[in-house]
Amino acid sequence: MEALHQHGLCHLLAVAGIPGYAAPQLEPQPAYAGAGRLTVVDGRHLADGVWSPAEAAGWWLARCEELSGPHDEYGRWDPTGSLSWELRHTPPLDRWARELLPLAEARAAERGFPLVRIACWPGGAALACSGSHDIDHVRKWRLATLGSYLLGRGRPARIGRLQALREYLGGTEPWWRFDDIRELEQELGFDSTWFVIPRQRHRFDTPFTLQHRRDRQQVDALRAAGQEVGVHGSCAGLERTELAATERQEMESAMGVRQHWLRFTVGDSWPAQAAAGYCYDSSLGFTHGWGLRGGTAFPFAAWDHTTGNPLEMGELPLTVMDREGANDPQLPQKLLETVGGGHLNLLWHVAAFDDRDFPGYGEMYRRVIEAAQDAGAWFAPLAQVWEWWRRRARIELEPSKTGLTLNAPERLEGVVLRGPLKPPRGGSAIEGGVALPVVQGRLELEWS
């Protein structure tokens, strides 16, 4: 129930009179695709089946589709031909929630009480947005890359050779763009999240680690500036709980993790991360092409397929990576349409802000951020997004003689309730509801 509750579907399903949540099954099961009911067999083939939207929501959030089907040479699930890939730009859970809302409102009206909803984001923001940066390759001038420049042909290559040689001899690193990123984000008024591999333990891991003095100093500078620094999980720790815990300790008990190369497996990675003490993961994305891999743009509880229960950690689905659509002028609008009122989760690597090697990438990052600002987004680092969502999910609303009783086990700022309510002491009336600066404990609310 928790996984659906955190997504916000559970209440709508209950009010609308739709059968409740059913635990995901490990065997291939039918999936409700909106226009009809489909059965997914081995993540590939479709046939007619019967399954309720509530059960299908559990199937999507627990990522049952990824328990079978092909994997690539790096051990990652291959989404080619899957339902997740087909619907990556039209997340089905978010669509169902929008379609269920009018039905839930009608059912509530029939029973003689209004439907009151907790706004998804602080202050009733239209959506949430986070910038994040995986610190992978930030040193361009290794012998291999220098050789490729020096052996180039033609006038552009000659210009590149001269510039490459000057930078190499002068100790300049064009991919070391930390200051540029911080200046841009300070100009735009938000902070982001950075992911670092603590120690190189696998041949696929990046050379930027805490073992290098300059790298460690850069990470310390980010922390000193108030930036969230999470763990970029080593490829060696994909399924090893003890290594996941060690990496988290090496990063001063970081709250979040994103696996390097998005090398993530549903059955193993979530339990290992939760056992290590992480609060959230943000690896659920596509390595080729942008879109939503989990059927939703909202945070949700990670799932343990061994116990059949949700874990004490969340998943923040990744929306887009820098190389996907960087030259598409319509990308900002496409992203906003896909995310809707959910969470726009951006991944731009540090080197992507070098305009010579990655032309247009940095400018696209700015354009997406500005489009989200224009759309009324709330900006926050990933840890803050998850903490808000987790605390919001714990708020309970119960009917009283004159209205509602709100119970918030943990302090939460910026709560907005949508419904015909009078503002309590300290609150304020807004269009369509009330704004509560701070909630904690019990609060009595009256109908307006």
Protein backbone atom coordinates (compact mmCIF):
# COMPACT_ATOMS: atom_id res chain seq x y z
CA MET A 1 0.00 0.00 0.00
CA GLU A 2 2.86 2.38 0.79
CA ALA A 3 4.18 2.41 -2.77
CA LEU A 4 0.82 3.50 -4.14
CA HIS A 5 0.19 5.87 -1.25
CA GLN A 6 3.40 7.72 -1.96
CA HIS A 7 2.45 8.06 -5.58
CA GLY A 8 -0.94 9.54 -4.59
CA LEU A 9 -3.08 6.99 -6.45
CA CYS A 10 -4.18 5.07 -3.38
CA HIS A 11 -6.54 7.75 -2.06
CA LEU A 12 -8.06 8.36 -5.48
CA LEU A 13 -8.62 4.64 -6.01
CA ALA A 14 -10.30 4.27 -2.63
CA VAL A 15 -12.61 7.26 -3.07
CA ALA A 16 -13.50 6.21 -6.61
CA GLY A 17 -14.45 2.75 -5.37
CA ILE A 18 -11.79 0.96 -7.43
CA PRO A 19 -10.31 -2.24 -5.92
CA GLY A 20 -7.19 -1.54 -3.90
CA TYR A 21 -3.55 -2.35 -4.21
CA ALA A 22 -2.35 -5.88 -4.96
CA ALA A 23 1.27 -6.84 -4.37
CA PRO A 24 3.42 -7.24 -7.50
CA GLN A 25 3.99 -10.80 -8.68
CA LEU A 26 7.30 -12.20 -9.84
CA GLU A 27 5.68 -14.15 -12.68
CA PRO A 28 4.62 -12.38 -15.90
CA GLN A 29 1.35 -10.59 -15.17
CA PRO A 30 -1.21 -8.53 -17.10
CA ALA A 31 -0.56 -4.78 -17.29
CA TYR A 32 -3.27 -2.21 -17.83
CA ALA A 33 -2.07 0.09 -20.61
CA GLY A 34 -4.88 2.65 -20.50
CA ALA A 35 -6.64 1.91 -23.78
CA GLY A 36 -6.85 -1.82 -23.02
CA ARG A 37 -5.48 -4.63 -20.91
CA LEU A 38 -2.27 -6.29 -21.99
CA THR A 39 -0.21 -9.17 -20.70
CA VAL A 40 3.56 -8.78 -20.65
CA VAL A 41 5.40 -12.04 -21.20
CA ASP A 42 9.18 -12.01 -20.69
CA GLY A 43 9.11 -8.24 -21.07
CA ARG A 44 8.41 -8.60 -24.79
CA HIS A 45 5.18 -10.14 -26.04
CA LEU A 46 1.67 -8.83 -25.45
CA ALA A 47 -1.63 -10.68 -25.25
CA ASP A 48 -5.12 -10.06 -23.90
CA GLY A 49 -5.46 -10.26 -20.14
CA VAL A 50 -7.48 -8.96 -17.20
CA TRP A 51 -5.93 -6.89 -14.44
CA SER A 52 -7.14 -3.84 -12.52
CA PRO A 53 -5.44 -0.43 -12.75
CA ALA A 54 -4.51 -0.72 -9.06
CA GLU A 55 -2.69 -4.00 -9.62
CA ALA A 56 -1.00 -2.61 -12.71
CA ALA A 57 0.23 0.39 -10.70
CA GLY A 58 2.02 -2.00 -8.36
CA TRP A 59 3.52 -3.82 -11.35
CA TRP A 60 4.90 -0.55 -12.71
CA LEU A 61 6.27 0.81 -9.43
CA ALA A 62 7.94 -2.46 -8.41
CA ARG A 63 9.46 -2.64 -11.92
CA CYS A 64 8.34 -6.25 -12.41
CA GLU A 65 8.96 -5.83 -16.14
CA GLU A 66 12.69 -5.67 -15.45
CA LEU A 67 12.87 -9.01 -13.66
CA SER A 68 12.90 -10.75 -17.03
CA GLY A 69 14.00 -9.86 -20.52
CA PRO A 70 17.42 -9.18 -22.03
CA HIS A 71 20.34 -7.30 -20.50
CA ASP A 72 23.20 -5.57 -22.30
CA GLU A 73 26.91 -6.31 -22.06
CA TYR A 74 27.16 -4.12 -18.95
CA GLY A 75 24.47 -6.00 -17.03
CA ARG A 76 21.81 -3.32 -17.55
CA TRP A 77 18.21 -4.14 -18.43
CA ASP A 78 17.56 -3.63 -22.15
CA PRO A 79 14.25 -1.75 -22.56
CA THR A 80 14.05 -2.27 -26.33
CA GLY A 81 10.52 -3.30 -27.24
CA SER A 82 9.26 -3.07 -23.65
CA LEU A 83 6.12 -1.35 -22.43
CA SER A 84 8.29 1.05 -20.42
CA TRP A 85 10.10 2.15 -23.56
CA GLU A 86 6.90 2.49 -25.56
CA LEU A 87 5.29 4.71 -22.89
CA ARG A 88 8.42 6.60 -21.76
CA HIS A 89 7.03 9.99 -22.86
CA THR A 90 3.47 9.34 -21.61
CA PRO A 91 3.87 7.89 -18.08
CA PRO A 92 0.78 5.71 -17.51
CA LEU A 93 0.50 6.10 -13.73
CA ASP A 94 0.39 9.88 -14.00
CA ARG A 95 -2.21 9.64 -16.74
CA TRP A 96 -4.35 7.31 -14.65
CA ALA A 97 -4.16 9.71 -11.69
CA ARG A 98 -5.39 12.57 -13.88
CA GLU A 99 -8.20 10.41 -15.27
CA LEU A 100 -9.23 9.15 -11.82
CA LEU A 101 -9.43 12.60 -10.23
CA PRO A 102 -12.77 13.66 -11.80
CA LEU A 103 -14.24 10.24 -10.94
CA ALA A 104 -13.04 10.54 -7.35
CA GLU A 105 -14.49 14.05 -7.07
CA ALA A 106 -17.84 12.84 -8.42
CA ARG A 107 -17.96 9.88 -6.01
CA ALA A 108 -17.07 12.15 -3.09
CA ALA A 109 -19.84 14.58 -4.06
CA GLU A 110 -22.34 11.70 -4.20
CA ARG A 111 -21.43 10.85 -0.62
CA GLY A 112 -21.91 14.44 0.48
CA PHE A 113 -18.36 15.54 1.19
CA PRO A 114 -15.73 17.38 -0.87
CA LEU A 115 -12.47 15.81 -1.96
CA VAL A 116 -9.50 17.49 -0.25
CA ARG A 117 -6.05 16.92 -1.71
CA ILE A 118 -2.57 17.75 -0.46
CA ALA A 119 -0.66 19.65 -3.14
CA CYS A 120 2.30 17.67 -4.42
CA TRP A 121 4.94 20.34 -3.88
CA PRO A 122 5.70 23.17 -1.43
CA GLY A 123 3.58 26.25 -1.84
CA GLY A 124 1.43 24.46 -4.41
CA ALA A 125 4.20 24.65 -7.03
CA ALA A 126 3.25 23.34 -10.46
CA LEU A 127 6.11 20.81 -10.51
CA ALA A 128 9.48 20.07 -8.94
CA CYS A 129 12.85 20.31 -10.70
CA SER A 130 16.34 19.12 -9.75
CA GLY A 131 19.67 19.49 -11.48
CA SER A 132 22.25 16.78 -10.89
CA HIS A 133 25.78 16.12 -12.08
CA ASP A 134 27.61 12.79 -12.23
CA ILE A 135 31.32 13.54 -11.83
CA ASP A 136 32.75 11.10 -14.36
CA HIS A 137 35.53 12.12 -16.77
CA VAL A 138 36.71 15.63 -15.94
CA ARG A 139 40.28 15.22 -17.23
CA LYS A 140 40.38 15.41 -21.00
CA TRP A 141 44.12 15.36 -21.51
CA ARG A 142 45.14 11.78 -21.07
CA LEU A 143 47.65 10.28 -23.48
CA ALA A 144 44.92 8.56 -25.50
CA THR A 145 42.87 11.71 -26.07
CA LEU A 146 45.97 13.83 -26.72
CA GLY A 147 47.10 11.35 -29.37
CA SER A 148 43.74 11.45 -31.16
CA TYR A 149 43.99 15.24 -31.42
CA LEU A 150 47.62 15.30 -32.51
CA LEU A 151 46.99 12.73 -35.27
CA GLY A 152 43.97 14.56 -36.72
CA ARG A 153 43.79 15.78 -40.33
CA GLY A 154 42.64 18.98 -42.09
CA ARG A 155 42.63 22.64 -41.04
CA PRO A 156 40.04 22.27 -38.21
CA ALA A 157 42.10 19.35 -36.90
CA ARG A 158 45.29 21.46 -37.09
CA ILE A 159 43.62 24.19 -35.07
CA GLY A 160 42.48 21.55 -32.62
CA ARG A 161 45.98 20.08 -32.42
CA LEU A 162 47.54 23.42 -31.55
CA GLN A 163 44.90 24.18 -28.93
CA ALA A 164 45.20 20.67 -27.50
CA LEU A 165 48.96 20.94 -27.21
CA ARG A 166 48.75 24.37 -25.53
CA GLU A 167 46.20 23.10 -23.00
CA TYR A 168 48.13 19.92 -22.30
CA LEU A 169 51.46 21.70 -21.78
CA GLY A 170 49.81 24.46 -19.77
CA GLY A 171 47.98 22.04 -17.46
CA THR A 172 44.54 23.32 -18.53
CA GLU A 173 41.59 20.95 -18.18
CA PRO A 174 38.67 22.06 -20.40
CA TRP A 175 36.37 19.42 -18.88
CA TRP A 176 36.92 20.68 -15.31
CA ARG A 177 33.79 22.90 -15.37
CA PHE A 178 32.79 23.00 -11.70
CA ASP A 179 33.08 26.78 -11.36
CA ASP A 180 31.12 27.38 -14.56
CA ILE A 181 28.29 25.15 -13.37
CA ARG A 182 28.13 26.79 -9.95
CA GLU A 183 28.11 30.27 -11.49
CA LEU A 184 25.29 29.30 -13.85
CA GLU A 185 23.19 27.75 -11.09
CA GLN A 186 23.78 30.68 -8.76
CA GLU A 187 22.67 33.01 -11.55
CA LEU A 188 19.51 30.93 -12.01
CA GLY A 189 18.95 30.69 -8.26
CA PHE A 190 19.12 27.01 -7.32
CA ASP A 191 21.42 24.31 -5.93
CA SER A 192 21.99 20.88 -7.45
CA THR A 193 23.19 17.40 -6.46
CA TRP A 194 26.60 15.95 -7.34
CA PHE A 195 27.44 12.23 -7.48
CA VAL A 196 31.00 11.00 -6.80
CA ILE A 197 32.61 7.55 -6.93
CA PRO A 198 34.57 7.38 -3.63
CA ARG A 199 37.19 4.92 -4.85
CA GLN A 200 37.97 3.28 -8.20
CA ARG A 201 37.14 -0.39 -7.67
CA HIS A 202 36.05 -1.57 -11.13
CA ARG A 203 37.47 -1.10 -14.60
CA PHE A 204 34.30 0.79 -15.60
CA ASP A 205 34.62 3.26 -12.70
CA THR A 206 35.76 6.81 -13.39
CA PRO A 207 39.20 8.18 -12.38
CA PHE A 208 37.68 11.06 -10.36
CA THR A 209 37.73 9.73 -6.77
CA LEU A 210 38.39 10.86 -3.23
CA GLN A 211 41.81 9.21 -3.46
CA HIS A 212 43.15 12.15 -5.50
CA ARG A 213 43.96 15.27 -3.49
CA ARG A 214 42.61 17.75 -6.06
CA ASP A 215 39.42 15.72 -6.49
CA ARG A 216 38.88 15.52 -2.74
CA GLN A 217 39.44 19.27 -2.41
CA GLN A 218 36.82 19.88 -5.09
CA VAL A 219 34.29 17.70 -3.27
CA ASP A 220 35.06 19.52 -0.01
CA ALA A 221 34.49 22.84 -1.79
CA LEU A 222 31.10 21.67 -3.04
CA ARG A 223 30.07 20.64 0.46
CA ALA A 224 31.33 23.92 1.91
CA ALA A 225 29.12 25.74 -0.60
CA GLY A 226 26.08 23.87 0.72
CA GLN A 227 25.80 21.45 -2.19
CA GLU A 228 24.41 17.95 -1.77
CA VAL A 229 27.05 15.31 -2.61
CA GLY A 230 25.84 11.75 -3.14
CA VAL A 231 27.49 8.46 -4.03
CA HIS A 232 28.02 7.50 -7.66
CA GLY A 233 27.83 3.77 -7.01
CA SER A 234 30.74 1.71 -8.28
CA CYS A 235 30.05 -0.92 -10.91
CA ALA A 236 31.67 -3.35 -8.46
CA GLY A 237 28.98 -2.66 -5.85
CA LEU A 238 25.92 -3.32 -7.97
CA GLU A 239 24.72 -6.31 -5.92
CA ARG A 240 27.04 -6.20 -2.88
CA THR A 241 25.44 -4.79 0.24
CA GLU A 242 28.73 -4.54 2.15
CA LEU A 243 30.39 -2.52 -0.62
CA ALA A 244 27.38 -0.23 -0.95
CA ALA A 245 27.62 0.44 2.79
CA THR A 246 31.38 1.07 2.56
CA GLU A 247 30.91 3.59 -0.25
CA ARG A 248 28.27 5.43 1.73
CA GLN A 249 30.58 5.65 4.75
CA GLU A 250 33.40 6.92 2.55
CA MET A 251 31.08 9.72 1.41
CA GLU A 252 30.18 10.77 4.97
CA SER A 253 26.85 8.92 5.07
CA ALA A 254 25.44 10.45 1.90
CA MET A 255 21.65 10.39 1.61
CA GLY A 256 21.46 9.46 -2.07
CA VAL A 257 23.03 7.22 -4.68
CA ARG A 258 23.07 6.94 -8.45
CA GLN A 259 24.78 3.91 -9.96
CA HIS A 260 27.54 4.63 -12.47
CA TRP A 261 26.40 4.16 -16.10
CA LEU A 262 22.91 3.66 -14.60
CA ARG A 263 24.09 0.08 -14.06
CA PHE A 264 21.15 -0.91 -11.89
CA THR A 265 19.13 -4.10 -11.42
CA VAL A 266 15.75 -3.98 -9.70
CA GLY A 267 15.98 -7.26 -7.79
CA ASP A 268 19.43 -6.58 -6.31
CA SER A 269 20.27 -2.87 -6.28
CA TRP A 270 17.35 -1.52 -4.24
CA PRO A 271 17.74 -3.97 -1.32
CA ALA A 272 21.52 -3.45 -1.24
CA GLN A 273 21.11 0.33 -1.25
CA ALA A 274 18.45 0.25 1.46
CA ALA A 275 20.58 -2.03 3.66
CA ALA A 276 23.47 0.42 3.23
CA GLY A 277 21.29 3.19 4.68
CA TYR A 278 20.57 5.29 1.61
CA CYS A 279 17.42 7.39 1.67
CA TYR A 280 16.92 7.42 -2.09
CA ASP A 281 18.24 6.15 -5.41
CA SER A 282 18.16 8.03 -8.71
CA SER A 283 19.36 5.41 -11.20
CA LEU A 284 16.03 4.59 -12.82
CA GLY A 285 16.48 6.11 -16.27
CA PHE A 286 17.39 5.30 -19.85
CA THR A 287 20.97 5.30 -21.11
CA HIS A 288 19.84 5.91 -24.70
CA GLY A 289 16.92 8.26 -25.18
CA TRP A 290 15.07 10.30 -22.59
CA GLY A 291 11.85 9.51 -20.76
CA LEU A 292 10.44 7.89 -17.64
CA ARG A 293 11.37 4.28 -17.01
CA GLY A 294 9.06 3.68 -14.03
CA GLY A 295 5.75 4.84 -15.48
CA THR A 296 5.70 8.01 -13.40
CA ALA A 297 7.47 11.34 -12.92
CA PHE A 298 6.80 11.27 -9.16
CA PRO A 299 8.98 9.80 -6.40
CA PHE A 300 7.92 6.40 -5.09
CA ALA A 301 8.98 3.76 -2.57
CA ALA A 302 11.53 1.22 -3.76
CA TRP A 303 10.44 -2.43 -3.65
CA ASP A 304 11.97 -5.56 -2.17
CA HIS A 305 11.01 -8.50 -4.37
CA THR A 306 12.34 -11.01 -1.83
CA THR A 307 10.08 -9.94 1.03
CA GLY A 308 7.27 -8.56 -1.14
CA ASN A 309 7.27 -5.25 0.73
CA PRO A 310 8.32 -1.64 0.09
CA LEU A 311 11.72 -0.58 1.36
CA GLU A 312 12.57 2.31 3.67
CA MET A 313 14.01 4.28 0.76
CA GLY A 314 12.68 6.02 -2.31
CA GLU A 315 13.29 6.16 -6.04
CA LEU A 316 13.56 9.50 -7.86
CA PRO A 317 13.15 8.59 -11.55
CA LEU A 318 15.62 10.20 -13.93
CA THR A 319 14.00 12.17 -16.75
CA VAL A 320 16.79 13.10 -19.16
CA MET A 321 20.56 12.90 -19.62
CA ASP A 322 22.62 15.62 -21.31
CA ARG A 323 23.37 13.83 -24.58
CA GLU A 324 19.73 13.01 -25.29
CA GLY A 325 18.04 15.72 -27.32
CA ALA A 326 20.63 18.42 -26.65
CA ASN A 327 20.14 19.74 -30.19
CA ASP A 328 16.34 19.50 -30.15
CA PRO A 329 14.95 23.05 -29.77
CA GLN A 330 11.64 21.59 -28.56
CA LEU A 331 13.21 19.54 -25.76
CA PRO A 332 12.28 21.89 -22.86
CA GLN A 333 8.61 21.88 -23.82
CA LYS A 334 8.61 18.12 -24.45
CA LEU A 335 10.08 17.49 -21.01
CA LEU A 336 7.50 19.68 -19.29
CA GLU A 337 4.67 17.93 -21.12
CA THR A 338 5.99 14.50 -20.13
CA VAL A 339 6.60 15.37 -16.48
CA GLY A 340 3.36 17.28 -16.00
CA GLY A 341 3.06 18.10 -12.31
CA GLY A 342 5.76 15.62 -11.29
CA HIS A 343 9.51 15.87 -10.77
CA LEU A 344 11.82 16.93 -13.61
CA ASN A 345 15.12 15.19 -12.79
CA LEU A 346 18.04 16.36 -14.96
CA LEU A 347 21.47 14.73 -15.33
CA TRP A 348 24.19 16.86 -16.93
CA HIS A 349 27.75 15.56 -16.62
CA VAL A 350 30.43 18.06 -15.61
CA ALA A 351 32.30 17.73 -18.93
CA ALA A 352 29.10 18.47 -20.87
CA PHE A 353 29.57 22.17 -20.11
CA ASP A 354 32.67 22.32 -22.34
CA ASP A 355 31.06 23.86 -25.41
CA ARG A 356 33.88 22.95 -27.76
CA ASP A 357 33.57 19.18 -27.28
CA PHE A 358 29.86 19.20 -26.38
CA PRO A 359 28.37 22.10 -28.34
CA GLY A 360 24.97 23.21 -27.12
CA TYR A 361 24.80 20.96 -24.07
CA GLY A 362 25.33 23.70 -21.50
CA GLU A 363 22.96 26.07 -23.27
CA MET A 364 20.26 23.37 -23.34
CA TYR A 365 20.64 22.91 -19.58
CA ARG A 366 19.99 26.62 -19.11
CA ARG A 367 17.00 26.52 -21.45
CA VAL A 368 15.40 23.57 -19.65
CA ILE A 369 15.91 25.23 -16.25
CA GLU A 370 14.45 28.52 -17.47
CA ALA A 371 11.46 26.72 -19.00
CA ALA A 372 10.81 24.97 -15.68
CA GLN A 373 11.07 28.30 -13.86
CA ASP A 374 8.55 29.85 -16.24
CA ALA A 375 6.23 26.89 -15.59
CA GLY A 376 6.29 27.56 -11.82
CA ALA A 377 8.64 24.80 -10.64
CA TRP A 378 9.97 24.35 -7.13
CA PHE A 379 13.74 23.78 -7.32
CA ALA A 380 15.54 21.61 -4.79
CA PRO A 381 18.41 19.09 -4.58
CA LEU A 382 17.36 15.46 -4.82
CA ALA A 383 17.64 14.74 -1.08
CA GLN A 384 15.32 17.64 -0.31
CA VAL A 385 12.80 16.47 -2.90
CA TRP A 386 12.69 12.99 -1.42
CA GLU A 387 12.47 14.27 2.17
CA TRP A 388 9.54 16.52 1.26
CA TRP A 389 7.77 13.69 -0.55
CA ARG A 390 8.35 11.21 2.29
CA ARG A 391 7.02 13.56 4.97
CA ARG A 392 4.09 14.59 2.81
CA ALA A 393 3.14 10.92 2.36
CA ARG A 394 2.85 10.53 6.14
CA ILE A 395 0.23 13.28 6.52
CA GLU A 396 -3.21 11.90 7.35
CA LEU A 397 -6.56 13.64 6.86
CA GLU A 398 -9.57 12.40 8.84
CA PRO A 399 -13.15 13.73 8.81
CA SER A 400 -14.38 15.60 11.88
CA LYS A 401 -17.75 17.07 12.86
CA THR A 402 -16.99 20.44 11.28
CA GLY A 403 -14.30 19.63 8.75
CA LEU A 404 -11.05 17.68 8.82
CA THR A 405 -8.32 16.75 11.26
CA LEU A 406 -4.82 16.89 9.81
CA ASN A 407 -2.11 14.82 11.49
CA ALA A 408 1.51 15.42 10.43
CA PRO A 409 3.97 13.14 12.30
CA GLU A 410 6.94 15.21 11.08
CA ARG A 411 7.44 18.92 10.60
CA LEU A 412 6.76 20.05 7.03
CA GLU A 413 6.78 23.55 5.57
CA GLY A 414 4.78 24.91 2.67
CA VAL A 415 1.82 22.50 2.73
CA VAL A 416 -1.13 23.49 0.55
CA LEU A 417 -4.54 21.82 0.83
CA ARG A 418 -6.87 21.93 -2.16
CA GLY A 419 -10.50 22.07 -1.04
CA PRO A 420 -13.21 24.26 0.56
CA LEU A 421 -11.51 24.92 3.90
CA LYS A 422 -11.16 27.92 6.21
CA PRO A 423 -7.57 28.96 6.87
CA PRO A 424 -6.55 28.08 10.45
CA ARG A 425 -4.56 30.41 12.68
CA GLY A 426 -1.27 31.13 10.92
CA GLY A 427 -2.60 29.87 7.59
CA SER A 428 -3.91 31.83 4.64
CA ALA A 429 -6.63 31.46 2.06
CA ILE A 430 -5.51 30.90 -1.53
CA GLU A 431 -7.43 30.19 -4.69
CA GLY A 432 -8.99 26.76 -4.33
CA GLY A 433 -7.67 26.00 -0.85
CA VAL A 434 -5.51 27.03 2.09
CA ALA A 435 -1.76 27.45 2.60
CA LEU A 436 -0.16 26.23 5.83
CA PRO A 437 3.33 27.65 6.46
CA VAL A 438 4.25 24.85 8.89
CA VAL A 439 2.46 21.68 9.99
CA GLN A 440 3.40 19.24 12.74
CA GLY A 441 1.11 17.21 14.96
CA ARG A 442 -2.69 17.58 14.91
CA LEU A 443 -4.49 20.50 13.30
CA GLU A 444 -8.26 21.03 13.17
CA LEU A 445 -9.62 22.44 9.91
CA GLU A 446 -13.16 23.67 9.24
CA TRP A 447 -15.17 23.68 6.04
CA SER A 448 -15.54 27.11 4.52
